[in-house]
Amino acid sequence: MTRIAEVAPEHATGAVSETYAAIARTLGRVPNMARVMGTQPIYLDIYMMMRAKIAEGRLDARIREAIAVTISAENGCDYCEAAHATTAIRAFDTPGDEVDAWRCATSSDPALAPVLALARRLNETRGALEDGDLEAARAAGLSDADIIEVLGVVVMNIATNYLNRLARTDLDFPSPQDVVK
């Protein structure tokens, strides 16, 4: 059971109600995570703005989902891991074994593997990368702008991981173990 209050869509007012309507138009429903965020409208707004801005970057949605799976698995957030694994499989037809690889910050895609390795290192070191980590990312073809963008995706996912771990948000996606192709 969720430890932090949720705002159900039928009880939402003002900006929260409008945000919920936008979420429901996109996803067909308002996930439990958004309902928890609705308890503090500022947090919900920050999350929605960050998500929209990150979507304008160079990293495509599949790469962002892969990073999200990696970070969520690393941080032990079952809610986010399940949500992002489900999205990767349903929206991008990602094979289950590839999603499993993302959980370990690896990929069969040689362009994605260094991105996930960087994301994991950013999370592990709380941003305090060694020079060798930066050199490896650059050698893999990532620009400094790409590195900062990966950091943005990591930070956004840390915020949702921490929220869902704090709240113990009720899982409304298949469990991470059940998300297979």
N, C-alpha and C. Protein backbone atom coordinates (compact mmCIF):
# COMPACT_ATOMS: atom_id res chain seq x y z
N MET A 1 0.84 -1.19 0.00
CA MET A 1 0.00 0.00 0.00
C MET A 1 0.88 1.25 0.00
N THR A 2 0.53 2.22 -0.79
CA THR A 2 1.29 3.45 -0.90
C THR A 2 1.34 4.17 0.44
N ARG A 3 2.55 4.62 0.83
CA ARG A 3 2.73 5.29 2.13
C ARG A 3 2.52 6.80 2.06
N ILE A 4 2.48 7.35 0.87
CA ILE A 4 2.27 8.79 0.68
C ILE A 4 0.90 8.94 0.01
N ALA A 5 0.18 9.95 0.42
CA ALA A 5 -1.16 10.18 -0.12
C ALA A 5 -1.12 10.31 -1.64
N GLU A 6 -2.16 9.84 -2.26
CA GLU A 6 -2.36 10.00 -3.70
C GLU A 6 -3.55 10.92 -3.92
N VAL A 7 -3.53 11.61 -5.05
CA VAL A 7 -4.70 12.39 -5.46
C VAL A 7 -5.32 11.65 -6.64
N ALA A 8 -6.48 11.09 -6.42
CA ALA A 8 -7.19 10.38 -7.49
C ALA A 8 -7.68 11.39 -8.53
N PRO A 9 -7.74 11.00 -9.79
CA PRO A 9 -8.19 11.92 -10.83
C PRO A 9 -9.53 12.59 -10.52
N GLU A 10 -10.45 11.86 -9.94
CA GLU A 10 -11.77 12.43 -9.66
C GLU A 10 -11.74 13.46 -8.52
N HIS A 11 -10.64 13.52 -7.78
CA HIS A 11 -10.50 14.50 -6.70
C HIS A 11 -9.52 15.62 -7.05
N ALA A 12 -8.89 15.54 -8.20
CA ALA A 12 -7.92 16.55 -8.62
C ALA A 12 -8.63 17.83 -9.02
N THR A 13 -8.00 18.95 -8.72
CA THR A 13 -8.54 20.26 -9.10
C THR A 13 -7.45 21.09 -9.76
N GLY A 14 -7.85 22.16 -10.42
CA GLY A 14 -6.92 23.12 -10.97
C GLY A 14 -5.87 22.52 -11.89
N ALA A 15 -4.62 22.94 -11.67
CA ALA A 15 -3.51 22.52 -12.53
C ALA A 15 -3.29 21.01 -12.48
N VAL A 16 -3.50 20.40 -11.31
CA VAL A 16 -3.32 18.95 -11.20
C VAL A 16 -4.34 18.24 -12.09
N SER A 17 -5.57 18.69 -12.08
CA SER A 17 -6.61 18.11 -12.93
C SER A 17 -6.24 18.24 -14.41
N GLU A 18 -5.73 19.40 -14.79
CA GLU A 18 -5.32 19.63 -16.18
C GLU A 18 -4.16 18.72 -16.57
N THR A 19 -3.19 18.59 -15.67
CA THR A 19 -2.04 17.71 -15.94
C THR A 19 -2.48 16.26 -16.05
N TYR A 20 -3.35 15.84 -15.15
CA TYR A 20 -3.88 14.47 -15.21
C TYR A 20 -4.58 14.23 -16.55
N ALA A 21 -5.35 15.20 -17.02
CA ALA A 21 -6.06 15.05 -18.30
C ALA A 21 -5.06 14.85 -19.43
N ALA A 22 -3.96 15.62 -19.41
CA ALA A 22 -2.92 15.47 -20.44
C ALA A 22 -2.26 14.10 -20.36
N ILE A 23 -1.98 13.64 -19.15
CA ILE A 23 -1.39 12.31 -18.97
C ILE A 23 -2.34 11.24 -19.48
N ALA A 24 -3.60 11.34 -19.13
CA ALA A 24 -4.60 10.35 -19.55
C ALA A 24 -4.76 10.33 -21.07
N ARG A 25 -4.65 11.49 -21.72
CA ARG A 25 -4.73 11.53 -23.18
C ARG A 25 -3.56 10.76 -23.80
N THR A 26 -2.40 10.84 -23.18
CA THR A 26 -1.22 10.16 -23.71
C THR A 26 -1.19 8.68 -23.36
N LEU A 27 -1.48 8.36 -22.10
CA LEU A 27 -1.32 6.98 -21.61
C LEU A 27 -2.63 6.20 -21.51
N GLY A 28 -3.75 6.90 -21.62
CA GLY A 28 -5.03 6.24 -21.47
C GLY A 28 -5.48 6.11 -20.02
N ARG A 29 -4.66 6.58 -19.09
CA ARG A 29 -4.97 6.53 -17.66
C ARG A 29 -3.97 7.41 -16.91
N VAL A 30 -4.19 7.58 -15.64
CA VAL A 30 -3.26 8.33 -14.79
C VAL A 30 -2.56 7.32 -13.88
N PRO A 31 -1.29 7.01 -14.16
CA PRO A 31 -0.58 6.02 -13.35
C PRO A 31 -0.46 6.45 -11.88
N ASN A 32 -0.26 5.48 -11.03
CA ASN A 32 -0.16 5.74 -9.60
C ASN A 32 0.97 6.72 -9.25
N MET A 33 2.08 6.67 -9.98
CA MET A 33 3.16 7.61 -9.72
C MET A 33 2.68 9.05 -9.86
N ALA A 34 1.94 9.34 -10.91
CA ALA A 34 1.43 10.70 -11.11
C ALA A 34 0.46 11.07 -10.00
N ARG A 35 -0.31 10.12 -9.52
CA ARG A 35 -1.26 10.37 -8.43
C ARG A 35 -0.51 10.75 -7.15
N VAL A 36 0.63 10.10 -6.91
CA VAL A 36 1.46 10.48 -5.75
C VAL A 36 2.03 11.87 -5.97
N MET A 37 2.54 12.14 -7.16
CA MET A 37 3.08 13.47 -7.46
C MET A 37 2.02 14.54 -7.30
N GLY A 38 0.77 14.21 -7.59
CA GLY A 38 -0.33 15.16 -7.48
C GLY A 38 -0.53 15.69 -6.07
N THR A 39 0.01 14.99 -5.08
CA THR A 39 -0.06 15.46 -3.69
C THR A 39 0.69 16.77 -3.53
N GLN A 40 1.75 16.96 -4.32
CA GLN A 40 2.51 18.21 -4.31
C GLN A 40 2.58 18.71 -5.75
N PRO A 41 1.67 19.59 -6.15
CA PRO A 41 1.59 20.03 -7.54
C PRO A 41 2.90 20.57 -8.11
N ILE A 42 3.72 21.18 -7.27
CA ILE A 42 5.01 21.70 -7.75
C ILE A 42 5.87 20.55 -8.27
N TYR A 43 5.91 19.46 -7.53
CA TYR A 43 6.70 18.29 -7.94
C TYR A 43 6.18 17.73 -9.26
N LEU A 44 4.87 17.63 -9.38
CA LEU A 44 4.26 17.14 -10.62
C LEU A 44 4.64 18.05 -11.78
N ASP A 45 4.57 19.36 -11.58
CA ASP A 45 4.94 20.32 -12.63
C ASP A 45 6.41 20.19 -13.02
N ILE A 46 7.29 20.10 -12.02
CA ILE A 46 8.73 19.98 -12.30
C ILE A 46 8.99 18.72 -13.12
N TYR A 47 8.38 17.62 -12.71
CA TYR A 47 8.57 16.36 -13.44
C TYR A 47 8.09 16.49 -14.88
N MET A 48 6.90 17.04 -15.07
CA MET A 48 6.35 17.16 -16.42
C MET A 48 7.20 18.08 -17.29
N MET A 49 7.69 19.18 -16.71
CA MET A 49 8.55 20.10 -17.48
C MET A 49 9.87 19.43 -17.84
N MET A 50 10.48 18.73 -16.87
CA MET A 50 11.75 18.08 -17.14
C MET A 50 11.58 17.00 -18.21
N ARG A 51 10.53 16.24 -18.11
CA ARG A 51 10.25 15.19 -19.09
C ARG A 51 10.08 15.79 -20.50
N ALA A 52 9.35 16.88 -20.60
CA ALA A 52 9.13 17.53 -21.89
C ALA A 52 10.43 18.09 -22.46
N LYS A 53 11.23 18.72 -21.63
CA LYS A 53 12.49 19.30 -22.10
C LYS A 53 13.47 18.22 -22.54
N ILE A 54 13.58 17.16 -21.75
CA ILE A 54 14.48 16.07 -22.11
C ILE A 54 14.06 15.43 -23.43
N ALA A 55 12.77 15.37 -23.70
CA ALA A 55 12.27 14.80 -24.96
C ALA A 55 12.70 15.63 -26.16
N GLU A 56 13.06 16.89 -25.95
CA GLU A 56 13.52 17.75 -27.04
C GLU A 56 14.98 17.50 -27.40
N GLY A 57 15.69 16.71 -26.62
CA GLY A 57 17.12 16.49 -26.82
C GLY A 57 17.40 15.52 -27.96
N ARG A 58 18.68 15.18 -28.08
CA ARG A 58 19.14 14.29 -29.15
C ARG A 58 18.86 12.82 -28.86
N LEU A 59 18.78 12.45 -27.58
CA LEU A 59 18.55 11.04 -27.24
C LEU A 59 17.10 10.68 -27.55
N ASP A 60 16.92 9.64 -28.36
CA ASP A 60 15.54 9.28 -28.71
C ASP A 60 14.86 8.57 -27.54
N ALA A 61 13.55 8.37 -27.69
CA ALA A 61 12.74 7.81 -26.60
C ALA A 61 13.19 6.41 -26.20
N ARG A 62 13.62 5.60 -27.15
CA ARG A 62 14.08 4.25 -26.80
C ARG A 62 15.34 4.31 -25.94
N ILE A 63 16.26 5.18 -26.28
CA ILE A 63 17.48 5.33 -25.47
C ILE A 63 17.13 5.83 -24.08
N ARG A 64 16.21 6.78 -23.99
CA ARG A 64 15.80 7.28 -22.67
C ARG A 64 15.15 6.16 -21.84
N GLU A 65 14.37 5.31 -22.49
CA GLU A 65 13.77 4.17 -21.77
C GLU A 65 14.85 3.20 -21.30
N ALA A 66 15.84 2.96 -22.14
CA ALA A 66 16.94 2.06 -21.76
C ALA A 66 17.68 2.61 -20.55
N ILE A 67 17.98 3.91 -20.57
CA ILE A 67 18.63 4.53 -19.41
C ILE A 67 17.75 4.39 -18.18
N ALA A 68 16.46 4.61 -18.35
CA ALA A 68 15.53 4.53 -17.21
C ALA A 68 15.51 3.12 -16.62
N VAL A 69 15.53 2.10 -17.46
CA VAL A 69 15.56 0.72 -16.95
C VAL A 69 16.86 0.49 -16.18
N THR A 70 17.99 0.93 -16.75
CA THR A 70 19.29 0.77 -16.08
C THR A 70 19.29 1.43 -14.71
N ILE A 71 18.90 2.68 -14.65
CA ILE A 71 18.96 3.44 -13.40
C ILE A 71 17.95 2.89 -12.39
N SER A 72 16.77 2.54 -12.85
CA SER A 72 15.75 2.01 -11.94
C SER A 72 16.18 0.67 -11.35
N ALA A 73 16.78 -0.18 -12.16
CA ALA A 73 17.29 -1.46 -11.65
C ALA A 73 18.42 -1.21 -10.66
N GLU A 74 19.31 -0.31 -11.01
CA GLU A 74 20.45 0.02 -10.14
C GLU A 74 19.97 0.57 -8.79
N ASN A 75 18.92 1.37 -8.82
CA ASN A 75 18.41 2.01 -7.60
C ASN A 75 17.35 1.17 -6.88
N GLY A 76 17.03 0.02 -7.41
CA GLY A 76 16.06 -0.86 -6.75
C GLY A 76 14.64 -0.34 -6.74
N CYS A 77 14.26 0.39 -7.81
CA CYS A 77 12.90 0.91 -7.89
C CYS A 77 12.07 0.01 -8.79
N ASP A 78 11.35 -0.92 -8.17
CA ASP A 78 10.53 -1.86 -8.94
C ASP A 78 9.47 -1.14 -9.77
N TYR A 79 8.88 -0.07 -9.22
CA TYR A 79 7.83 0.65 -9.93
C TYR A 79 8.37 1.19 -11.26
N CYS A 80 9.45 1.96 -11.19
CA CYS A 80 10.00 2.58 -12.40
C CYS A 80 10.57 1.54 -13.36
N GLU A 81 11.23 0.53 -12.81
CA GLU A 81 11.78 -0.52 -13.66
C GLU A 81 10.66 -1.19 -14.46
N ALA A 82 9.56 -1.51 -13.80
CA ALA A 82 8.42 -2.14 -14.48
C ALA A 82 7.81 -1.21 -15.51
N ALA A 83 7.62 0.05 -15.15
CA ALA A 83 7.00 1.00 -16.07
C ALA A 83 7.84 1.17 -17.34
N HIS A 84 9.15 1.34 -17.16
CA HIS A 84 10.01 1.58 -18.32
C HIS A 84 10.25 0.31 -19.14
N ALA A 85 10.36 -0.83 -18.48
CA ALA A 85 10.51 -2.08 -19.22
C ALA A 85 9.25 -2.36 -20.05
N THR A 86 8.09 -2.13 -19.46
CA THR A 86 6.83 -2.33 -20.17
C THR A 86 6.75 -1.40 -21.38
N THR A 87 7.12 -0.13 -21.18
CA THR A 87 7.11 0.82 -22.29
C THR A 87 8.07 0.39 -23.39
N ALA A 88 9.27 -0.03 -23.01
CA ALA A 88 10.26 -0.45 -24.01
C ALA A 88 9.75 -1.61 -24.85
N ILE A 89 9.11 -2.55 -24.20
CA ILE A 89 8.61 -3.73 -24.92
C ILE A 89 7.41 -3.38 -25.78
N ARG A 90 6.47 -2.64 -25.23
CA ARG A 90 5.23 -2.34 -25.96
C ARG A 90 5.40 -1.27 -27.02
N ALA A 91 6.11 -0.20 -26.70
CA ALA A 91 6.21 0.93 -27.64
C ALA A 91 7.31 0.74 -28.68
N PHE A 92 8.37 0.03 -28.32
CA PHE A 92 9.51 -0.08 -29.23
C PHE A 92 9.81 -1.51 -29.66
N ASP A 93 8.93 -2.44 -29.26
CA ASP A 93 9.08 -3.84 -29.64
C ASP A 93 10.46 -4.38 -29.26
N THR A 94 10.94 -3.95 -28.09
CA THR A 94 12.25 -4.38 -27.61
C THR A 94 12.15 -5.80 -27.07
N PRO A 95 13.03 -6.69 -27.51
CA PRO A 95 12.99 -8.06 -26.98
C PRO A 95 13.27 -8.09 -25.47
N GLY A 96 12.65 -9.03 -24.79
CA GLY A 96 12.81 -9.15 -23.34
C GLY A 96 14.24 -9.34 -22.91
N ASP A 97 15.04 -10.10 -23.70
CA ASP A 97 16.43 -10.31 -23.31
C ASP A 97 17.24 -9.02 -23.43
N GLU A 98 16.85 -8.13 -24.32
CA GLU A 98 17.53 -6.84 -24.42
C GLU A 98 17.19 -5.98 -23.22
N VAL A 99 15.93 -5.97 -22.80
CA VAL A 99 15.53 -5.23 -21.60
C VAL A 99 16.27 -5.78 -20.39
N ASP A 100 16.42 -7.09 -20.32
CA ASP A 100 17.19 -7.69 -19.22
C ASP A 100 18.64 -7.20 -19.25
N ALA A 101 19.21 -7.07 -20.43
CA ALA A 101 20.58 -6.55 -20.55
C ALA A 101 20.65 -5.11 -20.05
N TRP A 102 19.65 -4.31 -20.38
CA TRP A 102 19.63 -2.92 -19.92
C TRP A 102 19.68 -2.84 -18.40
N ARG A 103 19.03 -3.79 -17.73
CA ARG A 103 19.04 -3.80 -16.26
C ARG A 103 20.46 -3.88 -15.72
N CYS A 104 21.36 -4.44 -16.51
CA CYS A 104 22.77 -4.58 -16.12
C CYS A 104 23.66 -3.57 -16.84
N ALA A 105 23.05 -2.55 -17.42
CA ALA A 105 23.76 -1.48 -18.14
C ALA A 105 24.55 -2.00 -19.33
N THR A 106 23.99 -3.01 -20.01
CA THR A 106 24.61 -3.51 -21.23
C THR A 106 23.56 -3.54 -22.34
N SER A 107 24.04 -3.75 -23.55
CA SER A 107 23.13 -3.80 -24.69
C SER A 107 23.80 -4.52 -25.85
N SER A 108 23.01 -5.19 -26.66
CA SER A 108 23.53 -5.79 -27.89
C SER A 108 23.78 -4.72 -28.95
N ASP A 109 23.26 -3.53 -28.74
CA ASP A 109 23.44 -2.40 -29.65
C ASP A 109 24.75 -1.69 -29.29
N PRO A 110 25.75 -1.75 -30.17
CA PRO A 110 27.05 -1.16 -29.83
C PRO A 110 27.02 0.36 -29.62
N ALA A 111 26.01 1.03 -30.15
CA ALA A 111 25.89 2.47 -29.91
C ALA A 111 25.24 2.76 -28.56
N LEU A 112 24.37 1.86 -28.09
CA LEU A 112 23.67 2.07 -26.83
C LEU A 112 24.50 1.64 -25.62
N ALA A 113 25.30 0.61 -25.77
CA ALA A 113 26.06 0.07 -24.63
C ALA A 113 26.89 1.14 -23.91
N PRO A 114 27.64 2.00 -24.61
CA PRO A 114 28.41 3.01 -23.88
C PRO A 114 27.54 4.07 -23.20
N VAL A 115 26.37 4.33 -23.75
CA VAL A 115 25.44 5.28 -23.12
C VAL A 115 24.97 4.71 -21.78
N LEU A 116 24.62 3.43 -21.77
CA LEU A 116 24.16 2.80 -20.53
C LEU A 116 25.29 2.68 -19.51
N ALA A 117 26.49 2.40 -19.99
CA ALA A 117 27.64 2.34 -19.07
C ALA A 117 27.87 3.70 -18.44
N LEU A 118 27.77 4.76 -19.23
CA LEU A 118 27.92 6.12 -18.71
C LEU A 118 26.83 6.43 -17.71
N ALA A 119 25.60 6.10 -18.04
CA ALA A 119 24.48 6.37 -17.13
C ALA A 119 24.70 5.68 -15.79
N ARG A 120 25.10 4.44 -15.86
CA ARG A 120 25.34 3.69 -14.61
C ARG A 120 26.45 4.34 -13.79
N ARG A 121 27.53 4.72 -14.45
CA ARG A 121 28.65 5.35 -13.73
C ARG A 121 28.23 6.69 -13.14
N LEU A 122 27.44 7.47 -13.86
CA LEU A 122 26.95 8.74 -13.32
C LEU A 122 26.13 8.49 -12.05
N ASN A 123 25.30 7.46 -12.07
CA ASN A 123 24.48 7.13 -10.92
C ASN A 123 25.35 6.61 -9.77
N GLU A 124 26.26 5.70 -10.07
CA GLU A 124 27.12 5.10 -9.04
C GLU A 124 27.98 6.14 -8.34
N THR A 125 28.51 7.08 -9.13
CA THR A 125 29.45 8.06 -8.58
C THR A 125 28.78 9.36 -8.17
N ARG A 126 27.45 9.42 -8.32
CA ARG A 126 26.69 10.64 -8.05
C ARG A 126 27.27 11.82 -8.85
N GLY A 127 27.68 11.52 -10.07
CA GLY A 127 28.17 12.53 -10.98
C GLY A 127 29.66 12.77 -10.93
N ALA A 128 30.36 12.19 -9.98
CA ALA A 128 31.80 12.42 -9.81
C ALA A 128 32.60 11.42 -10.64
N LEU A 129 32.45 11.50 -11.95
CA LEU A 129 33.13 10.57 -12.84
C LEU A 129 34.65 10.73 -12.78
N GLU A 130 35.33 9.64 -12.99
CA GLU A 130 36.78 9.66 -13.16
C GLU A 130 37.08 10.16 -14.57
N ASP A 131 38.29 10.65 -14.78
CA ASP A 131 38.68 11.09 -16.12
C ASP A 131 38.52 9.95 -17.13
N GLY A 132 38.85 8.74 -16.72
CA GLY A 132 38.73 7.59 -17.61
C GLY A 132 37.30 7.34 -18.06
N ASP A 133 36.34 7.62 -17.18
CA ASP A 133 34.93 7.46 -17.55
C ASP A 133 34.55 8.43 -18.67
N LEU A 134 35.00 9.67 -18.53
CA LEU A 134 34.72 10.67 -19.57
C LEU A 134 35.43 10.31 -20.87
N GLU A 135 36.68 9.88 -20.75
CA GLU A 135 37.43 9.48 -21.95
C GLU A 135 36.74 8.33 -22.67
N ALA A 136 36.24 7.35 -21.92
CA ALA A 136 35.54 6.21 -22.53
C ALA A 136 34.27 6.67 -23.24
N ALA A 137 33.53 7.57 -22.62
CA ALA A 137 32.30 8.07 -23.24
C ALA A 137 32.62 8.83 -24.53
N ARG A 138 33.64 9.66 -24.47
CA ARG A 138 34.03 10.42 -25.67
C ARG A 138 34.56 9.50 -26.76
N ALA A 139 35.35 8.50 -26.37
CA ALA A 139 35.89 7.54 -27.35
C ALA A 139 34.76 6.76 -28.04
N ALA A 140 33.65 6.60 -27.34
CA ALA A 140 32.48 5.91 -27.92
C ALA A 140 31.66 6.83 -28.81
N GLY A 141 32.09 8.09 -28.93
CA GLY A 141 31.40 9.01 -29.83
C GLY A 141 30.44 9.98 -29.16
N LEU A 142 30.39 9.98 -27.84
CA LEU A 142 29.50 10.91 -27.14
C LEU A 142 30.17 12.28 -27.01
N SER A 143 29.44 13.30 -27.37
CA SER A 143 29.93 14.67 -27.20
C SER A 143 29.69 15.11 -25.76
N ASP A 144 30.28 16.22 -25.39
CA ASP A 144 30.02 16.75 -24.05
C ASP A 144 28.53 17.06 -23.87
N ALA A 145 27.89 17.55 -24.92
CA ALA A 145 26.44 17.81 -24.85
C ALA A 145 25.67 16.51 -24.63
N ASP A 146 26.09 15.43 -25.29
CA ASP A 146 25.45 14.12 -25.09
C ASP A 146 25.63 13.66 -23.64
N ILE A 147 26.81 13.85 -23.10
CA ILE A 147 27.10 13.44 -21.73
C ILE A 147 26.19 14.17 -20.75
N ILE A 148 26.02 15.47 -20.97
CA ILE A 148 25.13 16.26 -20.10
C ILE A 148 23.68 15.81 -20.27
N GLU A 149 23.30 15.48 -21.49
CA GLU A 149 21.93 15.02 -21.72
C GLU A 149 21.68 13.68 -21.03
N VAL A 150 22.65 12.77 -21.10
CA VAL A 150 22.53 11.50 -20.37
C VAL A 150 22.38 11.78 -18.88
N LEU A 151 23.16 12.73 -18.37
CA LEU A 151 23.05 13.11 -16.96
C LEU A 151 21.62 13.58 -16.65
N GLY A 152 21.04 14.38 -17.52
CA GLY A 152 19.67 14.85 -17.31
C GLY A 152 18.67 13.71 -17.20
N VAL A 153 18.82 12.71 -18.06
CA VAL A 153 17.92 11.54 -18.01
C VAL A 153 18.15 10.77 -16.72
N VAL A 154 19.40 10.63 -16.32
CA VAL A 154 19.71 9.93 -15.06
C VAL A 154 19.07 10.66 -13.89
N VAL A 155 19.25 11.98 -13.82
CA VAL A 155 18.71 12.77 -12.71
C VAL A 155 17.19 12.67 -12.66
N MET A 156 16.54 12.77 -13.80
CA MET A 156 15.08 12.66 -13.82
C MET A 156 14.64 11.30 -13.27
N ASN A 157 15.36 10.26 -13.63
CA ASN A 157 15.00 8.93 -13.15
C ASN A 157 15.33 8.72 -11.69
N ILE A 158 16.39 9.33 -11.21
CA ILE A 158 16.68 9.28 -9.77
C ILE A 158 15.51 9.90 -9.00
N ALA A 159 15.02 11.04 -9.50
CA ALA A 159 13.91 11.72 -8.82
C ALA A 159 12.67 10.83 -8.74
N THR A 160 12.35 10.13 -9.82
CA THR A 160 11.17 9.27 -9.78
C THR A 160 11.45 8.00 -8.98
N ASN A 161 12.67 7.48 -9.06
CA ASN A 161 13.03 6.30 -8.26
C ASN A 161 12.87 6.60 -6.78
N TYR A 162 13.41 7.73 -6.35
CA TYR A 162 13.35 8.09 -4.94
C TYR A 162 11.90 8.32 -4.50
N LEU A 163 11.13 9.00 -5.34
CA LEU A 163 9.72 9.23 -5.01
C LEU A 163 8.98 7.91 -4.81
N ASN A 164 9.14 7.01 -5.76
CA ASN A 164 8.40 5.75 -5.70
C ASN A 164 8.90 4.82 -4.60
N ARG A 165 10.17 4.92 -4.28
CA ARG A 165 10.68 4.13 -3.14
C ARG A 165 10.18 4.71 -1.83
N LEU A 166 10.18 6.04 -1.73
CA LEU A 166 9.65 6.70 -0.53
C LEU A 166 8.18 6.35 -0.33
N ALA A 167 7.40 6.50 -1.39
CA ALA A 167 5.95 6.29 -1.31
C ALA A 167 5.57 4.81 -1.28
N ARG A 168 6.47 3.98 -1.77
CA ARG A 168 6.11 2.57 -2.01
C ARG A 168 4.86 2.52 -2.89
N THR A 169 4.96 3.26 -3.97
CA THR A 169 3.84 3.39 -4.91
C THR A 169 3.36 2.02 -5.36
N ASP A 170 2.05 1.84 -5.29
CA ASP A 170 1.45 0.57 -5.73
C ASP A 170 1.73 0.36 -7.21
N LEU A 171 2.22 -0.82 -7.54
CA LEU A 171 2.58 -1.16 -8.90
C LEU A 171 1.32 -1.30 -9.76
N ASP A 172 1.24 -0.49 -10.81
CA ASP A 172 0.12 -0.60 -11.75
C ASP A 172 0.62 -0.92 -13.16
N PHE A 173 1.79 -1.53 -13.20
CA PHE A 173 2.38 -2.10 -14.41
C PHE A 173 2.71 -3.55 -14.07
N PRO A 174 2.99 -4.40 -15.06
CA PRO A 174 3.44 -5.74 -14.71
C PRO A 174 4.71 -5.65 -13.86
N SER A 175 4.91 -6.60 -12.96
CA SER A 175 6.11 -6.56 -12.12
C SER A 175 7.35 -6.69 -13.01
N PRO A 176 8.51 -6.17 -12.56
CA PRO A 176 9.71 -6.25 -13.39
C PRO A 176 10.03 -7.67 -13.84
N GLN A 177 9.79 -8.65 -12.97
CA GLN A 177 10.09 -10.04 -13.30
C GLN A 177 9.13 -10.59 -14.37
N ASP A 178 7.94 -10.01 -14.46
CA ASP A 178 6.94 -10.49 -15.42
C ASP A 178 7.01 -9.80 -16.77
N VAL A 179 7.84 -8.76 -16.88
CA VAL A 179 7.92 -8.02 -18.13
C VAL A 179 8.90 -8.74 -19.06
N VAL A 180 8.35 -9.57 -19.92
CA VAL A 180 9.14 -10.31 -20.90
C VAL A 180 8.42 -10.27 -22.23
N LYS A 181 9.18 -10.43 -23.27
CA LYS A 181 8.63 -10.40 -24.64
C LYS A 181 7.88 -11.66 -24.92
